[in-house]
PDB file of N, CA and C in Angstrom:
ATOM      1  N   MET A   1     137.377 155.671  93.069  1.00  0.00           N
ATOM      2  CA  MET A   1     138.676 155.027  93.064  1.00  0.00           C
ATOM      3  C   MET A   1     139.726 155.961  92.480  1.00  0.00           C
ATOM      4  N   ASP A   2     140.900 155.889  93.025  1.00  0.00           N
ATOM      5  CA  ASP A   2     142.011 156.696  92.517  1.00  0.00           C
ATOM      6  C   ASP A   2     142.972 155.859  91.693  1.00  0.00           C
ATOM      7  N   MET A   3     142.521 154.668  91.239  1.00  0.00           N
ATOM      8  CA  MET A   3     143.398 153.795  90.466  1.00  0.00           C
ATOM      9  C   MET A   3     143.307 154.146  88.979  1.00  0.00           C
ATOM     10  N   THR A   4     144.415 153.983  88.283  1.00  0.00           N
ATOM     11  CA  THR A   4     144.410 154.174  86.841  1.00  0.00           C
ATOM     12  C   THR A   4     143.935 152.887  86.182  1.00  0.00           C
ATOM     13  N   ALA A   5     143.530 152.986  84.929  1.00  0.00           N
ATOM     14  CA  ALA A   5     143.048 151.807  84.201  1.00  0.00           C
ATOM     15  C   ALA A   5     144.130 150.728  84.133  1.00  0.00           C
ATOM     16  N   SER A   6     145.373 151.127  83.955  1.00  0.00           N
ATOM     17  CA  SER A   6     146.455 150.136  83.847  1.00  0.00           C
ATOM     18  C   SER A   6     146.735 149.438  85.172  1.00  0.00           C
ATOM     19  N   ALA A   7     146.327 150.042  86.283  1.00  0.00           N
ATOM     20  CA  ALA A   7     146.569 149.444  87.592  1.00  0.00           C
ATOM     21  C   ALA A   7     145.315 148.789  88.176  1.00  0.00           C
ATOM     22  N   THR A   8     144.214 148.826  87.445  1.00  0.00           N
ATOM     23  CA  THR A   8     142.954 148.288  87.945  1.00  0.00           C
ATOM     24  C   THR A   8     142.747 146.866  87.429  1.00  0.00           C
ATOM     25  N   PRO A   9     142.638 145.890  88.314  1.00  0.00           N
ATOM     26  CA  PRO A   9     142.358 144.521  87.860  1.00  0.00           C
ATOM     27  C   PRO A   9     140.921 144.418  87.339  1.00  0.00           C
ATOM     28  N   LEU A  10     140.710 143.588  86.342  1.00  0.00           N
ATOM     29  CA  LEU A  10     139.381 143.425  85.771  1.00  0.00           C
ATOM     30  C   LEU A  10     138.352 142.996  86.800  1.00  0.00           C
ATOM     31  N   SER A  11     138.776 142.225  87.777  1.00  0.00           N
ATOM     32  CA  SER A  11     137.847 141.754  88.806  1.00  0.00           C
ATOM     33  C   SER A  11     137.199 142.912  89.554  1.00  0.00           C
ATOM     34  N   GLU A  12     137.788 144.090  89.528  1.00  0.00           N
ATOM     35  CA  GLU A  12     137.236 145.261  90.197  1.00  0.00           C
ATOM     36  C   GLU A  12     136.113 145.917  89.403  1.00  0.00           C
ATOM     37  N   VAL A  13     136.064 145.697  88.089  1.00  0.00           N
ATOM     38  CA  VAL A  13     135.095 146.404  87.261  1.00  0.00           C
ATOM     39  C   VAL A  13     134.168 145.482  86.465  1.00  0.00           C
ATOM     40  N   MET A  14     134.422 144.201  86.472  1.00  0.00           N
ATOM     41  CA  MET A  14     133.629 143.272  85.652  1.00  0.00           C
ATOM     42  C   MET A  14     132.299 142.926  86.310  1.00  0.00           C
ATOM     43  N   THR A  15     131.384 142.420  85.501  1.00  0.00           N
ATOM     44  CA  THR A  15     130.117 141.905  85.997  1.00  0.00           C
ATOM     45  C   THR A  15     130.360 140.504  86.528  1.00  0.00           C
ATOM     46  N   ALA A  16     129.980 140.246  87.768  1.00  0.00           N
ATOM     47  CA  ALA A  16     130.239 138.941  88.369  1.00  0.00           C
ATOM     48  C   ALA A  16     129.189 137.897  87.984  1.00  0.00           C
ATOM     49  N   LEU A  17     127.924 138.294  87.938  1.00  0.00           N
ATOM     50  CA  LEU A  17     126.843 137.375  87.592  1.00  0.00           C
ATOM     51  C   LEU A  17     126.474 137.579  86.126  1.00  0.00           C
ATOM     52  N   VAL A  18     127.109 136.824  85.276  1.00  0.00           N
ATOM     53  CA  VAL A  18     126.953 137.009  83.838  1.00  0.00           C
ATOM     54  C   VAL A  18     125.701 136.303  83.331  1.00  0.00           C
ATOM     55  N   GLN A  19     124.874 137.033  82.591  1.00  0.00           N
ATOM     56  CA  GLN A  19     123.731 136.463  81.897  1.00  0.00           C
ATOM     57  C   GLN A  19     124.238 135.901  80.574  1.00  0.00           C
ATOM     58  N   SER A  20     123.628 134.814  80.097  1.00  0.00           N
ATOM     59  CA  SER A  20     124.002 134.249  78.805  1.00  0.00           C
ATOM     60  C   SER A  20     122.787 133.590  78.173  1.00  0.00           C
ATOM     61  N   CYS A  21     122.959 133.123  76.947  1.00  0.00           N
ATOM     62  CA  CYS A  21     121.912 132.390  76.252  1.00  0.00           C
ATOM     63  C   CYS A  21     122.568 131.271  75.453  1.00  0.00           C
ATOM     64  N   TYR A  22     121.742 130.386  74.904  1.00  0.00           N
ATOM     65  CA  TYR A  22     122.246 129.281  74.095  1.00  0.00           C
ATOM     66  C   TYR A  22     121.972 129.550  72.624  1.00  0.00           C
ATOM     67  N   GLU A  23     122.850 129.069  71.778  1.00  0.00           N
ATOM     68  CA  GLU A  23     122.757 129.338  70.350  1.00  0.00           C
ATOM     69  C   GLU A  23     121.483 128.810  69.709  1.00  0.00           C
ATOM     70  N   GLY A  24     120.818 127.829  70.300  1.00  0.00           N
ATOM     71  CA  GLY A  24     119.603 127.282  69.733  1.00  0.00           C
ATOM     72  C   GLY A  24     118.319 127.946  70.208  1.00  0.00           C
ATOM     73  N   GLN A  25     118.405 128.905  71.095  1.00  0.00           N
ATOM     74  CA  GLN A  25     117.211 129.565  71.625  1.00  0.00           C
ATOM     75  C   GLN A  25     116.593 130.494  70.585  1.00  0.00           C
ATOM     76  N   PRO A  26     115.269 130.637  70.607  1.00  0.00           N
ATOM     77  CA  PRO A  26     114.618 131.585  69.699  1.00  0.00           C
ATOM     78  C   PRO A  26     115.000 133.029  70.036  1.00  0.00           C
ATOM     79  N   LEU A  27     115.195 133.825  69.007  1.00  0.00           N
ATOM     80  CA  LEU A  27     115.621 135.208  69.185  1.00  0.00           C
ATOM     81  C   LEU A  27     114.656 136.002  70.046  1.00  0.00           C
ATOM     82  N   ASP A  28     113.352 135.889  69.790  1.00  0.00           N
ATOM     83  CA  ASP A  28     112.404 136.688  70.567  1.00  0.00           C
ATOM     84  C   ASP A  28     112.429 136.332  72.045  1.00  0.00           C
ATOM     85  N   GLU A  29     112.628 135.066  72.355  1.00  0.00           N
ATOM     86  CA  GLU A  29     112.713 134.624  73.753  1.00  0.00           C
ATOM     87  C   GLU A  29     113.920 135.258  74.453  1.00  0.00           C
ATOM     88  N   VAL A  30     115.047 135.250  73.793  1.00  0.00           N
ATOM     89  CA  VAL A  30     116.272 135.805  74.377  1.00  0.00           C
ATOM     90  C   VAL A  30     116.146 137.311  74.570  1.00  0.00           C
ATOM     91  N   VAL A  31     115.614 137.984  73.565  1.00  0.00           N
ATOM     92  CA  VAL A  31     115.490 139.442  73.659  1.00  0.00           C
ATOM     93  C   VAL A  31     114.538 139.821  74.780  1.00  0.00           C
ATOM     94  N   GLU A  32     113.362 139.198  74.832  1.00  0.00           N
ATOM     95  CA  GLU A  32     112.368 139.557  75.844  1.00  0.00           C
ATOM     96  C   GLU A  32     112.758 139.099  77.243  1.00  0.00           C
ATOM     97  N   GLU A  33     113.153 137.836  77.370  1.00  0.00           N
ATOM     98  CA  GLU A  33     113.373 137.278  78.705  1.00  0.00           C
ATOM     99  C   GLU A  33     114.742 137.601  79.291  1.00  0.00           C
ATOM    100  N   ARG A  34     115.704 137.850  78.462  1.00  0.00           N
ATOM    101  CA  ARG A  34     117.043 138.121  78.988  1.00  0.00           C
ATOM    102  C   ARG A  34     117.437 139.578  78.849  1.00  0.00           C
ATOM    103  N   MET A  35     117.434 140.037  77.633  1.00  0.00           N
ATOM    104  CA  MET A  35     118.001 141.355  77.367  1.00  0.00           C
ATOM    105  C   MET A  35     117.112 142.498  77.860  1.00  0.00           C
ATOM    106  N   GLN A  36     115.834 142.476  77.521  1.00  0.00           N
ATOM    107  CA  GLN A  36     114.965 143.582  77.924  1.00  0.00           C
ATOM    108  C   GLN A  36     114.739 143.622  79.421  1.00  0.00           C
ATOM    109  N   ARG A  37     114.426 142.479  80.009  1.00  0.00           N
ATOM    110  CA  ARG A  37     114.141 142.467  81.459  1.00  0.00           C
ATOM    111  C   ARG A  37     115.348 142.859  82.292  1.00  0.00           C
ATOM    112  N   ALA A  38     116.524 142.402  81.892  1.00  0.00           N
ATOM    113  CA  ALA A  38     117.734 142.705  82.665  1.00  0.00           C
ATOM    114  C   ALA A  38     118.430 143.972  82.171  1.00  0.00           C
ATOM    115  N   ARG A  39     117.870 144.577  81.105  1.00  0.00           N
ATOM    116  CA  ARG A  39     118.469 145.779  80.513  1.00  0.00           C
ATOM    117  C   ARG A  39     119.916 145.535  80.118  1.00  0.00           C
ATOM    118  N   ILE A  40     120.093 144.468  79.349  1.00  0.00           N
ATOM    119  CA  ILE A  40     121.424 144.067  78.884  1.00  0.00           C
ATOM    120  C   ILE A  40     121.518 144.365  77.400  1.00  0.00           C
ATOM    121  N   ARG A  41     122.598 145.005  76.981  1.00  0.00           N
ATOM    122  CA  ARG A  41     122.791 145.352  75.573  1.00  0.00           C
ATOM    123  C   ARG A  41     123.576 144.281  74.814  1.00  0.00           C
ATOM    124  N   ARG A  42     124.346 143.483  75.526  1.00  0.00           N
ATOM    125  CA  ARG A  42     125.141 142.422  74.895  1.00  0.00           C
ATOM    126  C   ARG A  42     125.054 141.164  75.743  1.00  0.00           C
ATOM    127  N   LEU A  43     125.026 140.016  75.066  1.00  0.00           N
ATOM    128  CA  LEU A  43     124.818 138.760  75.768  1.00  0.00           C
ATOM    129  C   LEU A  43     125.730 137.684  75.183  1.00  0.00           C
ATOM    130  N   PRO A  44     126.522 137.006  76.023  1.00  0.00           N
ATOM    131  CA  PRO A  44     127.330 135.889  75.518  1.00  0.00           C
ATOM    132  C   PRO A  44     126.419 134.755  75.048  1.00  0.00           C
ATOM    133  N   VAL A  45     126.794 134.134  73.937  1.00  0.00           N
ATOM    134  CA  VAL A  45     126.043 133.008  73.381  1.00  0.00           C
ATOM    135  C   VAL A  45     126.892 131.753  73.572  1.00  0.00           C
ATOM    136  N   LEU A  46     126.284 130.720  74.207  1.00  0.00           N
ATOM    137  CA  LEU A  46     126.989 129.484  74.516  1.00  0.00           C
ATOM    138  C   LEU A  46     126.425 128.324  73.706  1.00  0.00           C
ATOM    139  N   ASP A  47     127.295 127.311  73.467  1.00  0.00           N
ATOM    140  CA  ASP A  47     126.774 126.066  72.910  1.00  0.00           C
ATOM    141  C   ASP A  47     126.341 125.183  74.073  1.00  0.00           C
ATOM    142  N   ARG A  48     125.840 124.006  73.789  1.00  0.00           N
ATOM    143  CA  ARG A  48     125.319 123.137  74.861  1.00  0.00           C
ATOM    144  C   ARG A  48     126.415 122.595  75.783  1.00  0.00           C
ATOM    145  N   GLN A  49     127.666 122.722  75.377  1.00  0.00           N
ATOM    146  CA  GLN A  49     128.777 122.332  76.252  1.00  0.00           C
ATOM    147  C   GLN A  49     129.272 123.529  77.080  1.00  0.00           C
ATOM    148  N   GLU A  50     128.472 124.605  77.063  1.00  0.00           N
ATOM    149  CA  GLU A  50     128.766 125.827  77.828  1.00  0.00           C
ATOM    150  C   GLU A  50     130.013 126.561  77.322  1.00  0.00           C
ATOM    151  N   ARG A  51     130.377 126.354  76.062  1.00  0.00           N
ATOM    152  CA  ARG A  51     131.517 127.070  75.465  1.00  0.00           C
ATOM    153  C   ARG A  51     131.003 128.323  74.763  1.00  0.00           C
ATOM    154  N   LEU A  52     131.747 129.392  74.880  1.00  0.00           N
ATOM    155  CA  LEU A  52     131.391 130.641  74.227  1.00  0.00           C
ATOM    156  C   LEU A  52     131.518 130.475  72.712  1.00  0.00           C
ATOM    157  N   VAL A  53     130.438 130.781  71.989  1.00  0.00           N
ATOM    158  CA  VAL A  53     130.469 130.685  70.534  1.00  0.00           C
ATOM    159  C   VAL A  53     130.200 132.033  69.861  1.00  0.00           C
ATOM    160  N   GLY A  54     129.833 133.042  70.645  1.00  0.00           N
ATOM    161  CA  GLY A  54     129.600 134.360  70.069  1.00  0.00           C
ATOM    162  C   GLY A  54     129.012 135.327  71.070  1.00  0.00           C
ATOM    163  N   MET A  55     128.749 136.522  70.573  1.00  0.00           N
ATOM    164  CA  MET A  55     128.105 137.556  71.369  1.00  0.00           C
ATOM    165  C   MET A  55     126.910 138.070  70.584  1.00  0.00           C
ATOM    166  N   LEU A  56     125.816 138.310  71.278  1.00  0.00           N
ATOM    167  CA  LEU A  56     124.609 138.855  70.677  1.00  0.00           C
ATOM    168  C   LEU A  56     124.439 140.274  71.199  1.00  0.00           C
ATOM    169  N   SER A  57     124.241 141.221  70.304  1.00  0.00           N
ATOM    170  CA  SER A  57     124.022 142.605  70.730  1.00  0.00           C
ATOM    171  C   SER A  57     122.624 143.045  70.333  1.00  0.00           C
ATOM    172  N   LEU A  58     122.143 144.102  70.960  1.00  0.00           N
ATOM    173  CA  LEU A  58     120.845 144.652  70.582  1.00  0.00           C
ATOM    174  C   LEU A  58     120.852 145.095  69.123  1.00  0.00           C
ATOM    175  N   GLY A  59     121.999 145.575  68.652  1.00  0.00           N
ATOM    176  CA  GLY A  59     122.117 145.947  67.243  1.00  0.00           C
ATOM    177  C   GLY A  59     121.913 144.743  66.334  1.00  0.00           C
ATOM    178  N   ASP A  60     122.460 143.587  66.730  1.00  0.00           N
ATOM    179  CA  ASP A  60     122.255 142.360  65.954  1.00  0.00           C
ATOM    180  C   ASP A  60     120.776 142.009  65.889  1.00  0.00           C
ATOM    181  N   THR A  61     120.092 142.128  67.016  1.00  0.00           N
ATOM    182  CA  THR A  61     118.681 141.755  67.054  1.00  0.00           C
ATOM    183  C   THR A  61     117.834 142.712  66.230  1.00  0.00           C
ATOM    184  N   ALA A  62     118.170 143.996  66.268  1.00  0.00           N
ATOM    185  CA  ALA A  62     117.423 144.980  65.481  1.00  0.00           C
ATOM    186  C   ALA A  62     117.602 144.716  63.992  1.00  0.00           C
ATOM    187  N   ALA A  63     118.823 144.412  63.580  1.00  0.00           N
ATOM    188  CA  ALA A  63     119.080 144.121  62.166  1.00  0.00           C
ATOM    189  C   ALA A  63     118.335 142.862  61.735  1.00  0.00           C
ATOM    190  N   ALA A  64     118.316 141.857  62.594  1.00  0.00           N
ATOM    191  CA  ALA A  64     117.605 140.615  62.263  1.00  0.00           C
ATOM    192  C   ALA A  64     116.107 140.861  62.154  1.00  0.00           C
ATOM    193  N   GLN A  65     115.557 141.660  63.049  1.00  0.00           N
ATOM    194  CA  GLN A  65     114.124 141.954  63.011  1.00  0.00           C
ATOM    195  C   GLN A  65     113.757 142.720  61.744  1.00  0.00           C
ATOM    196  N   ARG A  66     114.614 143.693  61.354  1.00  0.00           N
ATOM    197  CA  ARG A  66     114.349 144.450  60.119  1.00  0.00           C
ATOM    198  C   ARG A  66     114.391 143.524  58.913  1.00  0.00           C
ATOM    199  N   ALA A  67     115.374 142.633  58.867  1.00  0.00           N
ATOM    200  CA  ALA A  67     115.495 141.707  57.736  1.00  0.00           C
ATOM    201  C   ALA A  67     114.304 140.765  57.685  1.00  0.00           C
ATOM    202  N   LEU A  68     113.909 140.242  58.826  1.00  0.00           N
ATOM    203  CA  LEU A  68     112.779 139.312  58.855  1.00  0.00           C
ATOM    204  C   LEU A  68     111.469 140.005  58.508  1.00  0.00           C
ATOM    205  N   SER A  69     111.280 141.233  58.955  1.00  0.00           N
ATOM    206  CA  SER A  69     110.032 141.925  58.649  1.00  0.00           C
ATOM    207  C   SER A  69     109.942 142.231  57.162  1.00  0.00           C
ATOM    208  N   GLY A  70     111.064 142.499  56.515  1.00  0.00           N
ATOM    209  CA  GLY A  70     111.056 142.737  55.079  1.00  0.00           C
ATOM    210  C   GLY A  70     110.753 141.478  54.293  1.00  0.00           C
ATOM    211  N   ILE A  71     111.200 140.345  54.787  1.00  0.00           N
ATOM    212  CA  ILE A  71     110.964 139.067  54.113  1.00  0.00           C
ATOM    213  C   ILE A  71     109.522 138.630  54.291  1.00  0.00           C
ATOM    214  N   SER A  72     108.976 138.837  55.470  1.00  0.00           N
ATOM    215  CA  SER A  72     107.647 138.324  55.753  1.00  0.00           C
ATOM    216  C   SER A  72     106.522 139.256  55.304  1.00  0.00           C
ATOM    217  N   THR A  73     106.855 140.445  54.832  1.00  0.00           N
ATOM    218  CA  THR A  73     105.841 141.370  54.364  1.00  0.00           C
ATOM    219  C   THR A  73     105.560 141.096  52.895  1.00  0.00           C
ATOM    220  N   PRO A  74     104.332 140.724  52.543  1.00  0.00           N
ATOM    221  CA  PRO A  74     104.043 140.454  51.139  1.00  0.00           C
ATOM    222  C   PRO A  74     104.118 141.734  50.318  1.00  0.00           C
ATOM    223  N   SER A  75     104.618 141.615  49.114  1.00  0.00           N
ATOM    224  CA  SER A  75     104.699 142.778  48.248  1.00  0.00           C
ATOM    225  C   SER A  75     103.396 142.943  47.486  1.00  0.00           C
ATOM    226  N   GLU A  76     103.136 144.150  47.061  1.00  0.00           N
ATOM    227  CA  GLU A  76     101.949 144.458  46.273  1.00  0.00           C
ATOM    228  C   GLU A  76     102.285 144.280  44.801  1.00  0.00           C
ATOM    229  N   PRO A  77     101.354 143.786  44.001  1.00  0.00           N
ATOM    230  CA  PRO A  77     101.619 143.664  42.572  1.00  0.00           C
ATOM    231  C   PRO A  77     101.690 145.034  41.916  1.00  0.00           C
ATOM    232  N   ASP A  78     102.443 145.114  40.844  1.00  0.00           N
ATOM    233  CA  ASP A  78     102.543 146.337  40.061  1.00  0.00           C
ATOM    234  C   ASP A  78     101.352 146.355  39.109  1.00  0.00           C
ATOM    235  N   ARG A  79     100.272 147.003  39.503  1.00  0.00           N
ATOM    236  CA  ARG A  79      99.028 146.972  38.725  1.00  0.00           C
ATOM    237  C   ARG A  79      99.131 147.802  37.449  1.00  0.00           C
ATOM    238  N   LEU A  80     100.041 148.760  37.419  1.00  0.00           N
ATOM    239  CA  LEU A  80     100.201 149.600  36.236  1.00  0.00           C
ATOM    240  C   LEU A  80     100.647 148.776  35.032  1.00  0.00           C
ATOM    241  N   HIS A  81     101.594 147.860  35.256  1.00  0.00           N
ATOM    242  CA  HIS A  81     102.142 147.057  34.165  1.00  0.00           C
ATOM    243  C   HIS A  81     101.685 145.608  34.206  1.00  0.00           C
ATOM    244  N   GLY A  82     100.900 145.240  35.213  1.00  0.00           N
ATOM    245  CA  GLY A  82     100.449 143.859  35.325  1.00  0.00           C
ATOM    246  C   GLY A  82     101.549 142.895  35.715  1.00  0.00           C
ATOM    247  N   LEU A  83     102.614 143.411  36.340  1.00  0.00           N
ATOM    248  CA  LEU A  83     103.749 142.582  36.756  1.00  0.00           C
ATOM    249  C   LEU A  83     103.785 142.483  38.263  1.00  0.00           C
ATOM    250  N   ASP A  84     104.378 141.432  38.758  1.00  0.00           N
ATOM    251  CA  ASP A  84     104.636 141.358  40.190  1.00  0.00           C
ATOM    252  C   ASP A  84     105.674 142.406  40.527  1.00  0.00           C
ATOM    253  N   ALA A  85     105.571 142.980  41.732  1.00  0.00           N
ATOM    254  CA  ALA A  85     106.529 143.999  42.156  1.00  0.00           C
ATOM    255  C   ALA A  85     107.933 143.437  42.220  1.00  0.00           C
ATOM    256  N   GLY A  86     108.075 142.134  42.398  1.00  0.00           N
ATOM    257  CA  GLY A  86     109.399 141.521  42.500  1.00  0.00           C
ATOM    258  C   GLY A  86     110.113 141.383  41.174  1.00  0.00           C
ATOM    259  N   ARG A  87     109.421 141.549  40.055  1.00  0.00           N
ATOM    260  CA  ARG A  87     110.065 141.441  38.747  1.00  0.00           C
ATOM    261  C   ARG A  87     110.649 142.798  38.383  1.00  0.00           C
ATOM    262  N   THR A  88     111.899 142.811  38.058  1.00  0.00           N
ATOM    263  CA  THR A  88     112.604 144.059  37.829  1.00  0.00           C
ATOM    264  C   THR A  88     113.318 144.038  36.492  1.00  0.00           C
ATOM    265  N   PRO A  89     113.743 145.205  36.006  1.00  0.00           N
ATOM    266  CA  PRO A  89     114.501 145.242  34.769  1.00  0.00           C
ATOM    267  C   PRO A  89     115.763 144.384  34.818  1.00  0.00           C
ATOM    268  N   SER A  90     116.307 144.156  36.003  1.00  0.00           N
ATOM    269  CA  SER A  90     117.510 143.328  36.097  1.00  0.00           C
ATOM    270  C   SER A  90     117.232 141.899  35.682  1.00  0.00           C
ATOM    271  N   ARG A  91     115.964 141.532  35.611  1.00  0.00           N
ATOM    272  CA  ARG A  91     115.595 140.198  35.156  1.00  0.00           C
ATOM    273  C   ARG A  91     115.257 140.209  33.660  1.00  0.00           C
ATOM    274  N   GLY A  92     115.588 141.301  32.983  1.00  0.00           N
ATOM    275  CA  GLY A  92     115.450 141.333  31.542  1.00  0.00           C
ATOM    276  C   GLY A  92     114.224 142.054  31.009  1.00  0.00           C
ATOM    277  N   TRP A  93     113.442 142.716  31.840  1.00  0.00           N
ATOM    278  CA  TRP A  93     112.253 143.407  31.365  1.00  0.00           C
ATOM    279  C   TRP A  93     112.478 144.903  31.439  1.00  0.00           C
ATOM    280  N   ALA A  94     112.104 145.588  30.424  1.00  0.00           N
ATOM    281  CA  ALA A  94     112.174 147.047  30.443  1.00  0.00           C
ATOM    282  C   ALA A  94     110.795 147.556  30.818  1.00  0.00           C
ATOM    283  N   LEU A  95     110.632 148.012  32.037  1.00  0.00           N
ATOM    284  CA  LEU A  95     109.310 148.407  32.529  1.00  0.00           C
ATOM    285  C   LEU A  95     108.762 149.634  31.828  1.00  0.00           C
ATOM    286  N   ASP A  96     109.638 150.450  31.267  1.00  0.00           N
ATOM    287  CA  ASP A  96     109.156 151.627  30.574  1.00  0.00           C
ATOM    288  C   ASP A  96     108.819 151.329  29.100  1.00  0.00           C
ATOM    289  N   ASP A  97     109.033 150.083  28.649  1.00  0.00           N
ATOM    290  CA  ASP A  97     108.723 149.693  27.279  1.00  0.00           C
ATOM    291  C   ASP A  97     107.763 148.512  27.309  1.00  0.00           C
ATOM    292  N   PRO A  98     106.431 148.760  27.223  1.00  0.00           N
ATOM    293  CA  PRO A  98     105.442 147.668  27.323  1.00  0.00           C
ATOM    294  C   PRO A  98     105.633 146.591  26.270  1.00  0.00           C
ATOM    295  N   SER A  99     106.204 146.907  25.128  1.00  0.00           N
ATOM    296  CA  SER A  99     106.394 145.888  24.085  1.00  0.00           C
ATOM    297  C   SER A  99     107.457 144.868  24.490  1.00  0.00           C
ATOM    298  N   ALA A 100     108.290 145.204  25.474  1.00  0.00           N
ATOM    299  CA  ALA A 100     109.339 144.276  25.919  1.00  0.00           C
ATOM    300  C   ALA A 100     108.846 143.288  26.957  1.00  0.00           C
ATOM    301  N   MET A 101     107.594 143.447  27.429  1.00  0.00           N
ATOM    302  CA  MET A 101     107.060 142.546  28.448  1.00  0.00           C
ATOM    303  C   MET A 101     106.672 141.218  27.854  1.00  0.00           C
ATOM    304  N   PRO A 102     106.871 140.135  28.612  1.00  0.00           N
ATOM    305  CA  PRO A 102     106.470 138.815  28.121  1.00  0.00           C
ATOM    306  C   PRO A 102     104.956 138.690  28.056  1.00  0.00           C
ATOM    307  N   GLU A 103     104.494 137.808  27.232  1.00  0.00           N
ATOM    308  CA  GLU A 103     103.043 137.563  27.079  1.00  0.00           C
ATOM    309  C   GLU A 103     102.508 136.835  28.267  1.00  0.00           C
TER     310      GLU A 103
END
């Protein structure tokens, strides 16, 4: 095309058959069945009245997967000090001073 961007109507460059998903759908279902199969990087998210409520991107899904994997991975206990790995000095314990540990 020899048209400039300012002279090109959106109808000439837009996707006509838009894929979408619903806000209540499970993330893994949307990623596998919609985004991966159709090779779509962004997907409009609709409510049940078919109104646009957001956009889902592959970056959003990757961030959600990283956050969920960190939450669902059990931590190992700190066997050196006999403390759970989740207990930190910010909770009032000095890990380098065994006398400061609770009984």
